[in-house]
PDB file of all heavy atoms in Angstrom:
ATOM      1  N   GLY A   1     -27.518  15.583 -49.448  1.00  0.00           N
ATOM      2  CA  GLY A   1     -28.664  15.271 -50.280  1.00  0.00           C
ATOM      3  C   GLY A   1     -28.593  13.893 -50.892  1.00  0.00           C
ATOM      4  O   GLY A   1     -29.278  13.589 -51.878  1.00  0.00           O
ATOM      5  N   GLN A   2     -27.758  13.030 -50.325  1.00  0.00           N
ATOM      6  CA  GLN A   2     -27.569  11.681 -50.860  1.00  0.00           C
ATOM      7  C   GLN A   2     -28.848  10.863 -50.669  1.00  0.00           C
ATOM      8  O   GLN A   2     -29.494  10.920 -49.625  1.00  0.00           O
ATOM      9  CB  GLN A   2     -26.403  11.016 -50.127  1.00  0.00           C
ATOM     10  CG  GLN A   2     -25.812   9.828 -50.827  1.00  0.00           C
ATOM     11  CD  GLN A   2     -24.438   9.471 -50.239  1.00  0.00           C
ATOM     12  OE1 GLN A   2     -23.846  10.259 -49.493  1.00  0.00           O
ATOM     13  NE2 GLN A   2     -23.928   8.299 -50.582  1.00  0.00           N
ATOM     14  N   ASP A   3     -29.215  10.092 -51.691  1.00  0.00           N
ATOM     15  CA  ASP A   3     -30.425   9.265 -51.628  1.00  0.00           C
ATOM     16  C   ASP A   3     -30.114   8.004 -50.826  1.00  0.00           C
ATOM     17  O   ASP A   3     -29.573   7.032 -51.360  1.00  0.00           O
ATOM     18  CB  ASP A   3     -30.899   8.906 -53.034  1.00  0.00           C
ATOM     19  CG  ASP A   3     -32.252   8.212 -53.036  1.00  0.00           C
ATOM     20  OD1 ASP A   3     -32.555   7.481 -52.075  1.00  0.00           O
ATOM     21  OD2 ASP A   3     -33.018   8.390 -54.005  1.00  0.00           O
ATOM     22  N   VAL A   4     -30.450   8.056 -49.563  1.00  0.00           N
ATOM     23  CA  VAL A   4     -30.172   6.957 -48.634  1.00  0.00           C
ATOM     24  C   VAL A   4     -31.473   6.501 -47.996  1.00  0.00           C
ATOM     25  O   VAL A   4     -32.302   7.326 -47.585  1.00  0.00           O
ATOM     26  CB  VAL A   4     -29.182   7.402 -47.536  1.00  0.00           C
ATOM     27  CG1 VAL A   4     -29.055   6.335 -46.459  1.00  0.00           C
ATOM     28  CG2 VAL A   4     -27.824   7.718 -48.132  1.00  0.00           C
ATOM     29  N   VAL A   5     -31.671   5.194 -47.922  1.00  0.00           N
ATOM     30  CA  VAL A   5     -32.773   4.609 -47.168  1.00  0.00           C
ATOM     31  C   VAL A   5     -32.169   3.668 -46.135  1.00  0.00           C
ATOM     32  O   VAL A   5     -31.296   2.848 -46.463  1.00  0.00           O
ATOM     33  CB  VAL A   5     -33.737   3.828 -48.083  1.00  0.00           C
ATOM     34  CG1 VAL A   5     -34.781   3.079 -47.253  1.00  0.00           C
ATOM     35  CG2 VAL A   5     -34.415   4.768 -49.064  1.00  0.00           C
ATOM     36  N   VAL A   6     -32.602   3.786 -44.883  1.00  0.00           N
ATOM     37  CA  VAL A   6     -32.111   2.922 -43.802  1.00  0.00           C
ATOM     38  C   VAL A   6     -33.213   1.943 -43.418  1.00  0.00           C
ATOM     39  O   VAL A   6     -34.360   2.342 -43.210  1.00  0.00           O
ATOM     40  CB  VAL A   6     -31.692   3.752 -42.572  1.00  0.00           C
ATOM     41  CG1 VAL A   6     -31.351   2.846 -41.387  1.00  0.00           C
ATOM     42  CG2 VAL A   6     -30.502   4.645 -42.912  1.00  0.00           C
ATOM     43  N   THR A   7     -32.860   0.668 -43.355  1.00  0.00           N
ATOM     44  CA  THR A   7     -33.811  -0.339 -42.873  1.00  0.00           C
ATOM     45  C   THR A   7     -33.280  -0.952 -41.587  1.00  0.00           C
ATOM     46  O   THR A   7     -32.062  -1.045 -41.387  1.00  0.00           O
ATOM     47  CB  THR A   7     -34.022  -1.457 -43.914  1.00  0.00           C
ATOM     48  OG1 THR A   7     -32.789  -2.170 -44.113  1.00  0.00           O
ATOM     49  CG2 THR A   7     -34.509  -0.891 -45.234  1.00  0.00           C
ATOM     50  N   ARG A   8     -34.189  -1.351 -40.716  1.00  0.00           N
ATOM     51  CA  ARG A   8     -33.815  -2.025 -39.462  1.00  0.00           C
ATOM     52  C   ARG A   8     -34.671  -3.274 -39.330  1.00  0.00           C
ATOM     53  O   ARG A   8     -35.896  -3.175 -39.193  1.00  0.00           O
ATOM     54  CB  ARG A   8     -34.027  -1.088 -38.264  1.00  0.00           C
ATOM     55  CG  ARG A   8     -33.072   0.101 -38.273  1.00  0.00           C
ATOM     56  CD  ARG A   8     -33.367   1.109 -37.185  1.00  0.00           C
ATOM     57  NE  ARG A   8     -32.413   2.214 -37.256  1.00  0.00           N
ATOM     58  CZ  ARG A   8     -32.680   3.467 -36.871  1.00  0.00           C
ATOM     59  NH1 ARG A   8     -33.891   3.772 -36.393  1.00  0.00           N
ATOM     60  NH2 ARG A   8     -31.763   4.407 -36.967  1.00  0.00           N
ATOM     61  N   CYS A   9     -34.027  -4.418 -39.382  1.00  0.00           N
ATOM     62  CA  CYS A   9     -34.770  -5.675 -39.376  1.00  0.00           C
ATOM     63  C   CYS A   9     -34.683  -6.361 -38.021  1.00  0.00           C
ATOM     64  O   CYS A   9     -33.756  -6.139 -37.238  1.00  0.00           O
ATOM     65  CB  CYS A   9     -34.238  -6.612 -40.463  1.00  0.00           C
ATOM     66  SG  CYS A   9     -32.582  -7.232 -40.143  1.00  0.00           S
ATOM     67  N   SER A  10     -35.658  -7.212 -37.760  1.00  0.00           N
ATOM     68  CA  SER A  10     -35.618  -8.055 -36.568  1.00  0.00           C
ATOM     69  C   SER A  10     -34.780  -9.294 -36.865  1.00  0.00           C
ATOM     70  O   SER A  10     -34.228  -9.442 -37.961  1.00  0.00           O
ATOM     71  CB  SER A  10     -37.042  -8.422 -36.137  1.00  0.00           C
ATOM     72  OG  SER A  10     -37.731  -9.060 -37.188  1.00  0.00           O
ATOM     73  N   ASN A  11     -34.663 -10.205 -35.910  1.00  0.00           N
ATOM     74  CA  ASN A  11     -33.785 -11.368 -36.042  1.00  0.00           C
ATOM     75  C   ASN A  11     -34.165 -12.220 -37.256  1.00  0.00           C
ATOM     76  O   ASN A  11     -35.287 -12.703 -37.346  1.00  0.00           O
ATOM     77  CB  ASN A  11     -33.858 -12.236 -34.786  1.00  0.00           C
ATOM     78  CG  ASN A  11     -33.078 -11.647 -33.632  1.00  0.00           C
ATOM     79  OD1 ASN A  11     -33.119 -10.441 -33.402  1.00  0.00           O
ATOM     80  ND2 ASN A  11     -32.376 -12.485 -32.907  1.00  0.00           N
ATOM     81  N   ASN A  12     -33.213 -12.418 -38.151  1.00  0.00           N
ATOM     82  CA  ASN A  12     -33.433 -13.259 -39.321  1.00  0.00           C
ATOM     83  C   ASN A  12     -33.098 -14.713 -39.031  1.00  0.00           C
ATOM     84  O   ASN A  12     -32.265 -15.014 -38.176  1.00  0.00           O
ATOM     85  CB  ASN A  12     -32.561 -12.790 -40.485  1.00  0.00           C
ATOM     86  CG  ASN A  12     -33.147 -11.623 -41.256  1.00  0.00           C
ATOM     87  OD1 ASN A  12     -33.043 -11.563 -42.477  1.00  0.00           O
ATOM     88  ND2 ASN A  12     -33.755 -10.676 -40.573  1.00  0.00           N
ATOM     89  N   TYR A  13     -33.740 -15.607 -39.759  1.00  0.00           N
ATOM     90  CA  TYR A  13     -33.428 -17.031 -39.688  1.00  0.00           C
ATOM     91  C   TYR A  13     -33.779 -17.653 -41.024  1.00  0.00           C
ATOM     92  O   TYR A  13     -34.478 -17.045 -41.850  1.00  0.00           O
ATOM     93  CB  TYR A  13     -34.203 -17.715 -38.560  1.00  0.00           C
ATOM     94  CG  TYR A  13     -35.684 -17.860 -38.852  1.00  0.00           C
ATOM     95  CD1 TYR A  13     -36.206 -19.058 -39.331  1.00  0.00           C
ATOM     96  CD2 TYR A  13     -36.572 -16.781 -38.686  1.00  0.00           C
ATOM     97  CE1 TYR A  13     -37.567 -19.175 -39.627  1.00  0.00           C
ATOM     98  CE2 TYR A  13     -37.916 -16.898 -38.977  1.00  0.00           C
ATOM     99  CZ  TYR A  13     -38.406 -18.098 -39.451  1.00  0.00           C
ATOM    100  OH  TYR A  13     -39.741 -18.219 -39.753  1.00  0.00           O
ATOM    101  N   GLY A  14     -33.308 -18.879 -41.248  1.00  0.00           N
ATOM    102  CA  GLY A  14     -33.628 -19.582 -42.481  1.00  0.00           C
ATOM    103  C   GLY A  14     -32.458 -20.421 -42.956  1.00  0.00           C
ATOM    104  O   GLY A  14     -31.454 -20.572 -42.255  1.00  0.00           O
ATOM    105  N   PRO A  15     -32.543 -20.989 -44.165  1.00  0.00           N
ATOM    106  CA  PRO A  15     -31.476 -21.815 -44.714  1.00  0.00           C
ATOM    107  C   PRO A  15     -30.170 -21.050 -44.870  1.00  0.00           C
ATOM    108  O   PRO A  15     -30.160 -19.852 -45.107  1.00  0.00           O
ATOM    109  CB  PRO A  15     -32.024 -22.223 -46.087  1.00  0.00           C
ATOM    110  CG  PRO A  15     -33.512 -22.130 -45.949  1.00  0.00           C
ATOM    111  CD  PRO A  15     -33.742 -20.969 -45.028  1.00  0.00           C
ATOM    112  N   ARG A  16     -29.067 -21.771 -44.705  1.00  0.00           N
ATOM    113  CA  ARG A  16     -27.711 -21.266 -44.931  1.00  0.00           C
ATOM    114  C   ARG A  16     -27.253 -20.259 -43.881  1.00  0.00           C
ATOM    115  O   ARG A  16     -26.325 -19.496 -44.136  1.00  0.00           O
ATOM    116  CB  ARG A  16     -27.566 -20.657 -46.332  1.00  0.00           C
ATOM    117  CG  ARG A  16     -27.763 -21.635 -47.469  1.00  0.00           C
ATOM    118  CD  ARG A  16     -27.435 -20.972 -48.809  1.00  0.00           C
ATOM    119  NE  ARG A  16     -27.633 -21.895 -49.913  1.00  0.00           N
ATOM    120  CZ  ARG A  16     -28.784 -22.063 -50.549  1.00  0.00           C
ATOM    121  NH1 ARG A  16     -29.845 -21.353 -50.188  1.00  0.00           N
ATOM    122  NH2 ARG A  16     -28.890 -22.932 -51.534  1.00  0.00           N
ATOM    123  N   GLN A  17     -27.846 -20.255 -42.716  1.00  0.00           N
ATOM    124  CA  GLN A  17     -27.366 -19.364 -41.657  1.00  0.00           C
ATOM    125  C   GLN A  17     -26.243 -20.055 -40.891  1.00  0.00           C
ATOM    126  O   GLN A  17     -26.368 -21.216 -40.481  1.00  0.00           O
ATOM    127  CB  GLN A  17     -28.499 -18.985 -40.702  1.00  0.00           C
ATOM    128  CG  GLN A  17     -28.098 -17.909 -39.697  1.00  0.00           C
ATOM    129  CD  GLN A  17     -29.278 -17.414 -38.881  1.00  0.00           C
ATOM    130  OE1 GLN A  17     -30.249 -18.136 -38.671  1.00  0.00           O
ATOM    131  NE2 GLN A  17     -29.207 -16.175 -38.424  1.00  0.00           N
ATOM    132  N   PHE A  18     -25.145 -19.356 -40.694  1.00  0.00           N
ATOM    133  CA  PHE A  18     -23.976 -19.926 -40.026  1.00  0.00           C
ATOM    134  C   PHE A  18     -24.373 -20.450 -38.645  1.00  0.00           C
ATOM    135  O   PHE A  18     -25.065 -19.753 -37.892  1.00  0.00           O
ATOM    136  CB  PHE A  18     -22.883 -18.865 -39.892  1.00  0.00           C
ATOM    137  CG  PHE A  18     -21.553 -19.397 -39.478  1.00  0.00           C
ATOM    138  CD1 PHE A  18     -20.719 -19.993 -40.412  1.00  0.00           C
ATOM    139  CD2 PHE A  18     -21.131 -19.320 -38.164  1.00  0.00           C
ATOM    140  CE1 PHE A  18     -19.471 -20.488 -40.038  1.00  0.00           C
ATOM    141  CE2 PHE A  18     -19.902 -19.811 -37.778  1.00  0.00           C
ATOM    142  CZ  PHE A  18     -19.065 -20.392 -38.726  1.00  0.00           C
ATOM    143  N   PRO A  19     -23.962 -21.678 -38.307  1.00  0.00           N
ATOM    144  CA  PRO A  19     -24.448 -22.305 -37.066  1.00  0.00           C
ATOM    145  C   PRO A  19     -23.790 -21.788 -35.795  1.00  0.00           C
ATOM    146  O   PRO A  19     -23.193 -22.538 -35.028  1.00  0.00           O
ATOM    147  CB  PRO A  19     -24.136 -23.794 -37.301  1.00  0.00           C
ATOM    148  CG  PRO A  19     -22.972 -23.793 -38.230  1.00  0.00           C
ATOM    149  CD  PRO A  19     -23.176 -22.607 -39.140  1.00  0.00           C
ATOM    150  N   GLU A  20     -23.933 -20.468 -35.575  1.00  0.00           N
ATOM    151  CA  GLU A  20     -23.552 -19.861 -34.305  1.00  0.00           C
ATOM    152  C   GLU A  20     -24.756 -19.134 -33.697  1.00  0.00           C
ATOM    153  O   GLU A  20     -24.793 -18.913 -32.489  1.00  0.00           O
ATOM    154  CB  GLU A  20     -22.389 -18.876 -34.488  1.00  0.00           C
ATOM    155  CG  GLU A  20     -22.744 -17.650 -35.329  1.00  0.00           C
ATOM    156  CD  GLU A  20     -21.576 -16.700 -35.542  1.00  0.00           C
ATOM    157  OE1 GLU A  20     -20.487 -16.967 -34.988  1.00  0.00           O
ATOM    158  OE2 GLU A  20     -21.739 -15.705 -36.276  1.00  0.00           O
ATOM    159  N   LYS A  21     -25.737 -18.779 -34.543  1.00  0.00           N
ATOM    160  CA  LYS A  21     -26.934 -18.110 -34.072  1.00  0.00           C
ATOM    161  C   LYS A  21     -27.912 -19.130 -33.497  1.00  0.00           C
ATOM    162  O   LYS A  21     -27.824 -20.329 -33.763  1.00  0.00           O
ATOM    163  CB  LYS A  21     -27.579 -17.318 -35.220  1.00  0.00           C
ATOM    164  CG  LYS A  21     -26.652 -16.279 -35.872  1.00  0.00           C
ATOM    165  CD  LYS A  21     -26.269 -15.160 -34.914  1.00  0.00           C
ATOM    166  CE  LYS A  21     -25.323 -14.150 -35.549  1.00  0.00           C
ATOM    167  NZ  LYS A  21     -25.951 -13.312 -36.553  1.00  0.00           N
ATOM    168  N   LEU A  22     -28.873 -18.658 -32.726  1.00  0.00           N
ATOM    169  CA  LEU A  22     -29.721 -19.541 -31.926  1.00  0.00           C
ATOM    170  C   LEU A  22     -30.398 -20.647 -32.733  1.00  0.00           C
ATOM    171  O   LEU A  22     -30.310 -21.827 -32.385  1.00  0.00           O
ATOM    172  CB  LEU A  22     -30.794 -18.708 -31.203  1.00  0.00           C
ATOM    173  CG  LEU A  22     -31.846 -19.509 -30.431  1.00  0.00           C
ATOM    174  CD1 LEU A  22     -31.206 -20.293 -29.296  1.00  0.00           C
ATOM    175  CD2 LEU A  22     -32.942 -18.593 -29.892  1.00  0.00           C
ATOM    176  N   ILE A  23     -31.093 -20.302 -33.807  1.00  0.00           N
ATOM    177  CA  ILE A  23     -31.910 -21.301 -34.507  1.00  0.00           C
ATOM    178  C   ILE A  23     -31.059 -22.359 -35.211  1.00  0.00           C
ATOM    179  O   ILE A  23     -31.266 -23.558 -34.990  1.00  0.00           O
ATOM    180  CB  ILE A  23     -32.910 -20.610 -35.449  1.00  0.00           C
ATOM    181  CG1 ILE A  23     -34.011 -19.945 -34.600  1.00  0.00           C
ATOM    182  CG2 ILE A  23     -33.520 -21.602 -36.441  1.00  0.00           C
ATOM    183  CD1 ILE A  23     -35.013 -19.120 -35.385  1.00  0.00           C
ATOM    184  N   PRO A  24     -30.077 -21.990 -36.044  1.00  0.00           N
ATOM    185  CA  PRO A  24     -29.287 -23.057 -36.667  1.00  0.00           C
ATOM    186  C   PRO A  24     -28.456 -23.852 -35.674  1.00  0.00           C
ATOM    187  O   PRO A  24     -28.296 -25.068 -35.829  1.00  0.00           O
ATOM    188  CB  PRO A  24     -28.406 -22.310 -37.676  1.00  0.00           C
ATOM    189  CG  PRO A  24     -28.349 -20.910 -37.167  1.00  0.00           C
ATOM    190  CD  PRO A  24     -29.677 -20.655 -36.526  1.00  0.00           C
ATOM    191  N   LEU A  25     -27.934 -23.190 -34.642  1.00  0.00           N
ATOM    192  CA  LEU A  25     -27.155 -23.910 -33.627  1.00  0.00           C
ATOM    193  C   LEU A  25     -28.021 -24.940 -32.922  1.00  0.00           C
ATOM    194  O   LEU A  25     -27.617 -26.090 -32.708  1.00  0.00           O
ATOM    195  CB  LEU A  25     -26.578 -22.929 -32.608  1.00  0.00           C
ATOM    196  CG  LEU A  25     -25.798 -23.567 -31.455  1.00  0.00           C
ATOM    197  CD1 LEU A  25     -24.506 -24.170 -31.951  1.00  0.00           C
ATOM    198  CD2 LEU A  25     -25.538 -22.563 -30.345  1.00  0.00           C
ATOM    199  N   THR A  26     -29.236 -24.538 -32.567  1.00  0.00           N
ATOM    200  CA  THR A  26     -30.142 -25.460 -31.891  1.00  0.00           C
ATOM    201  C   THR A  26     -30.477 -26.647 -32.795  1.00  0.00           C
ATOM    202  O   THR A  26     -30.458 -27.800 -32.356  1.00  0.00           O
ATOM    203  CB  THR A  26     -31.432 -24.727 -31.481  1.00  0.00           C
ATOM    204  OG1 THR A  26     -31.105 -23.685 -30.551  1.00  0.00           O
ATOM    205  CG2 THR A  26     -32.426 -25.682 -30.831  1.00  0.00           C
ATOM    206  N   ILE A  27     -30.763 -26.387 -34.051  1.00  0.00           N
ATOM    207  CA  ILE A  27     -31.141 -27.456 -34.979  1.00  0.00           C
ATOM    208  C   ILE A  27     -30.024 -28.488 -35.108  1.00  0.00           C
ATOM    209  O   ILE A  27     -30.247 -29.695 -34.957  1.00  0.00           O
ATOM    210  CB  ILE A  27     -31.505 -26.879 -36.355  1.00  0.00           C
ATOM    211  CG1 ILE A  27     -32.809 -26.066 -36.272  1.00  0.00           C
ATOM    212  CG2 ILE A  27     -31.650 -27.993 -37.392  1.00  0.00           C
ATOM    213  CD1 ILE A  27     -33.120 -25.274 -37.530  1.00  0.00           C
ATOM    214  N   VAL A  28     -28.806 -28.030 -35.393  1.00  0.00           N
ATOM    215  CA  VAL A  28     -27.725 -28.994 -35.636  1.00  0.00           C
ATOM    216  C   VAL A  28     -27.320 -29.711 -34.352  1.00  0.00           C
ATOM    217  O   VAL A  28     -26.952 -30.895 -34.382  1.00  0.00           O
ATOM    218  CB  VAL A  28     -26.514 -28.325 -36.313  1.00  0.00           C
ATOM    219  CG1 VAL A  28     -26.926 -27.716 -37.652  1.00  0.00           C
ATOM    220  CG2 VAL A  28     -25.860 -27.286 -35.434  1.00  0.00           C
ATOM    221  N   ASN A  29     -27.390 -29.025 -33.216  1.00  0.00           N
ATOM    222  CA  ASN A  29     -27.092 -29.705 -31.958  1.00  0.00           C
ATOM    223  C   ASN A  29     -28.132 -30.782 -31.660  1.00  0.00           C
ATOM    224  O   ASN A  29     -27.792 -31.884 -31.215  1.00  0.00           O
ATOM    225  CB  ASN A  29     -27.032 -28.703 -30.807  1.00  0.00           C
ATOM    226  CG  ASN A  29     -25.683 -28.008 -30.705  1.00  0.00           C
ATOM    227  OD1 ASN A  29     -24.881 -28.061 -31.641  1.00  0.00           O
ATOM    228  ND2 ASN A  29     -25.416 -27.355 -29.595  1.00  0.00           N
ATOM    229  N   LEU A  30     -29.398 -30.474 -31.911  1.00  0.00           N
ATOM    230  CA  LEU A  30     -30.444 -31.469 -31.673  1.00  0.00           C
ATOM    231  C   LEU A  30     -30.281 -32.665 -32.615  1.00  0.00           C
ATOM    232  O   LEU A  30     -30.490 -33.809 -32.215  1.00  0.00           O
ATOM    233  CB  LEU A  30     -31.820 -30.833 -31.850  1.00  0.00           C
ATOM    234  CG  LEU A  30     -32.221 -29.799 -30.792  1.00  0.00           C
ATOM    235  CD1 LEU A  30     -33.546 -29.145 -31.173  1.00  0.00           C
ATOM    236  CD2 LEU A  30     -32.326 -30.429 -29.402  1.00  0.00           C
ATOM    237  N   PHE A  31     -29.902 -32.410 -33.851  1.00  0.00           N
ATOM    238  CA  PHE A  31     -29.652 -33.512 -34.785  1.00  0.00           C
ATOM    239  C   PHE A  31     -28.581 -34.455 -34.248  1.00  0.00           C
ATOM    240  O   PHE A  31     -28.673 -35.674 -34.397  1.00  0.00           O
ATOM    241  CB  PHE A  31     -29.193 -32.977 -36.145  1.00  0.00           C
ATOM    242  CG  PHE A  31     -30.288 -32.424 -37.014  1.00  0.00           C
ATOM    243  CD1 PHE A  31     -29.979 -31.584 -38.070  1.00  0.00           C
ATOM    244  CD2 PHE A  31     -31.616 -32.749 -36.807  1.00  0.00           C
ATOM    245  CE1 PHE A  31     -30.970 -31.076 -38.902  1.00  0.00           C
ATOM    246  CE2 PHE A  31     -32.622 -32.247 -37.626  1.00  0.00           C
ATOM    247  CZ  PHE A  31     -32.286 -31.406 -38.672  1.00  0.00           C
ATOM    248  N   ASP A  32     -27.537 -33.865 -33.627  1.00  0.00           N
ATOM    249  CA  ASP A  32     -26.381 -34.646 -33.197  1.00  0.00           C
ATOM    250  C   ASP A  32     -26.436 -35.087 -31.741  1.00  0.00           C
ATOM    251  O   ASP A  32     -25.492 -35.709 -31.252  1.00  0.00           O
ATOM    252  CB  ASP A  32     -25.104 -33.830 -33.416  1.00  0.00           C
ATOM    253  CG  ASP A  32     -24.687 -33.773 -34.883  1.00  0.00           C
ATOM    254  OD1 ASP A  32     -25.316 -34.472 -35.701  1.00  0.00           O
ATOM    255  OD2 ASP A  32     -23.735 -33.040 -35.204  1.00  0.00           O
ATOM    256  N   GLY A  33     -27.528 -34.755 -31.034  1.00  0.00           N
ATOM    257  CA  GLY A  33     -27.625 -35.131 -29.633  1.00  0.00           C
ATOM    258  C   GLY A  33     -26.675 -34.363 -28.734  1.00  0.00           C
ATOM    259  O   GLY A  33     -26.251 -34.858 -27.684  1.00  0.00           O
ATOM    260  N   VAL A  34     -26.329 -33.124 -29.136  1.00  0.00           N
ATOM    261  CA  VAL A  34     -25.439 -32.262 -28.364  1.00  0.00           C
ATOM    262  C   VAL A  34     -26.286 -31.273 -27.569  1.00  0.00           C
ATOM    263  O   VAL A  34     -27.321 -30.795 -28.046  1.00  0.00           O
ATOM    264  CB  VAL A  34     -24.468 -31.513 -29.297  1.00  0.00           C
ATOM    265  CG1 VAL A  34     -23.609 -30.525 -28.522  1.00  0.00           C
ATOM    266  CG2 VAL A  34     -23.596 -32.507 -30.050  1.00  0.00           C
ATOM    267  N   GLU A  35     -25.837 -30.946 -26.355  1.00  0.00           N
ATOM    268  CA  GLU A  35     -26.602 -30.034 -25.516  1.00  0.00           C
ATOM    269  C   GLU A  35     -26.824 -28.683 -26.212  1.00  0.00           C
ATOM    270  O   GLU A  35     -25.947 -28.177 -26.910  1.00  0.00           O
ATOM    271  CB  GLU A  35     -25.882 -29.808 -24.191  1.00  0.00           C
ATOM    272  CG  GLU A  35     -25.929 -31.016 -23.268  1.00  0.00           C
ATOM    273  CD  GLU A  35     -25.254 -30.739 -21.943  1.00  0.00           C
ATOM    274  OE1 GLU A  35     -24.221 -30.018 -21.921  1.00  0.00           O
ATOM    275  OE2 GLU A  35     -25.737 -31.233 -20.918  1.00  0.00           O
ATOM    276  N   VAL A  36     -27.994 -28.122 -25.984  1.00  0.00           N
ATOM    277  CA  VAL A  36     -28.372 -26.831 -26.544  1.00  0.00           C
ATOM    278  C   VAL A  36     -28.318 -25.778 -25.436  1.00  0.00           C
ATOM    279  O   VAL A  36     -29.079 -25.857 -24.467  1.00  0.00           O
ATOM    280  CB  VAL A  36     -29.796 -26.879 -27.134  1.00  0.00           C
ATOM    281  CG1 VAL A  36     -30.229 -25.495 -27.600  1.00  0.00           C
ATOM    282  CG2 VAL A  36     -29.863 -27.887 -28.279  1.00  0.00           C
ATOM    283  N   PRO A  37     -27.427 -24.784 -25.551  1.00  0.00           N
ATOM    284  CA  PRO A  37     -27.321 -23.760 -24.503  1.00  0.00           C
ATOM    285  C   PRO A  37     -28.346 -22.645 -24.676  1.00  0.00           C
ATOM    286  O   PRO A  37     -28.592 -22.181 -25.791  1.00  0.00           O
ATOM    287  CB  PRO A  37     -25.911 -23.228 -24.699  1.00  0.00           C
ATOM    288  CG  PRO A  37     -25.651 -23.396 -26.168  1.00  0.00           C
ATOM    289  CD  PRO A  37     -26.410 -24.627 -26.592  1.00  0.00           C
ATOM    290  N   ILE A  38     -28.938 -22.219 -23.583  1.00  0.00           N
ATOM    291  CA  ILE A  38     -29.864 -21.080 -23.588  1.00  0.00           C
ATOM    292  C   ILE A  38     -29.414 -20.118 -22.492  1.00  0.00           C
ATOM    293  O   ILE A  38     -29.266 -20.508 -21.326  1.00  0.00           O
ATOM    294  CB  ILE A  38     -31.319 -21.513 -23.327  1.00  0.00           C
ATOM    295  CG1 ILE A  38     -31.801 -22.466 -24.421  1.00  0.00           C
ATOM    296  CG2 ILE A  38     -32.228 -20.288 -23.270  1.00  0.00           C
ATOM    297  CD1 ILE A  38     -33.252 -22.865 -24.262  1.00  0.00           C
ATOM    298  N   TYR A  39     -29.244 -18.860 -22.860  1.00  0.00           N
ATOM    299  CA  TYR A  39     -28.816 -17.859 -21.889  1.00  0.00           C
ATOM    300  C   TYR A  39     -29.893 -17.595 -20.836  1.00  0.00           C
ATOM    301  O   TYR A  39     -31.089 -17.481 -21.149  1.00  0.00           O
ATOM    302  CB  TYR A  39     -28.512 -16.534 -22.586  1.00  0.00           C
ATOM    303  CG  TYR A  39     -27.141 -16.442 -23.204  1.00  0.00           C
ATOM    304  CD1 TYR A  39     -26.981 -15.907 -24.471  1.00  0.00           C
ATOM    305  CD2 TYR A  39     -26.005 -16.858 -22.516  1.00  0.00           C
ATOM    306  CE1 TYR A  39     -25.729 -15.786 -25.049  1.00  0.00           C
ATOM    307  CE2 TYR A  39     -24.757 -16.743 -23.074  1.00  0.00           C
ATOM    308  CZ  TYR A  39     -24.615 -16.207 -24.343  1.00  0.00           C
ATOM    309  OH  TYR A  39     -23.377 -16.090 -24.913  1.00  0.00           O
ATOM    310  N   GLY A  40     -29.461 -17.446 -19.588  1.00  0.00           N
ATOM    311  CA  GLY A  40     -30.348 -17.041 -18.506  1.00  0.00           C
ATOM    312  C   GLY A  40     -31.515 -17.990 -18.344  1.00  0.00           C
ATOM    313  O   GLY A  40     -31.357 -19.205 -18.282  1.00  0.00           O
ATOM    314  N   ASP A  41     -32.740 -17.414 -18.294  1.00  0.00           N
ATOM    315  CA  ASP A  41     -33.936 -18.242 -18.129  1.00  0.00           C
ATOM    316  C   ASP A  41     -34.628 -18.539 -19.460  1.00  0.00           C
ATOM    317  O   ASP A  41     -35.675 -19.184 -19.497  1.00  0.00           O
ATOM    318  CB  ASP A  41     -34.925 -17.575 -17.171  1.00  0.00           C
ATOM    319  CG  ASP A  41     -35.400 -16.206 -17.644  1.00  0.00           C
ATOM    320  OD1 ASP A  41     -35.046 -15.807 -18.781  1.00  0.00           O
ATOM    321  OD2 ASP A  41     -36.124 -15.530 -16.888  1.00  0.00           O
TER     322      ASP A  41
END
């Protein structure tokens, strides 16, 4: 009977995201002229 609510979110992005996820990685690589990897097609 524990009061629990479960949420499921889609992909988050925004300021202060560690630069391993797609959006921050792409931004900092583009700033520095480093290649941006994209999986598959």
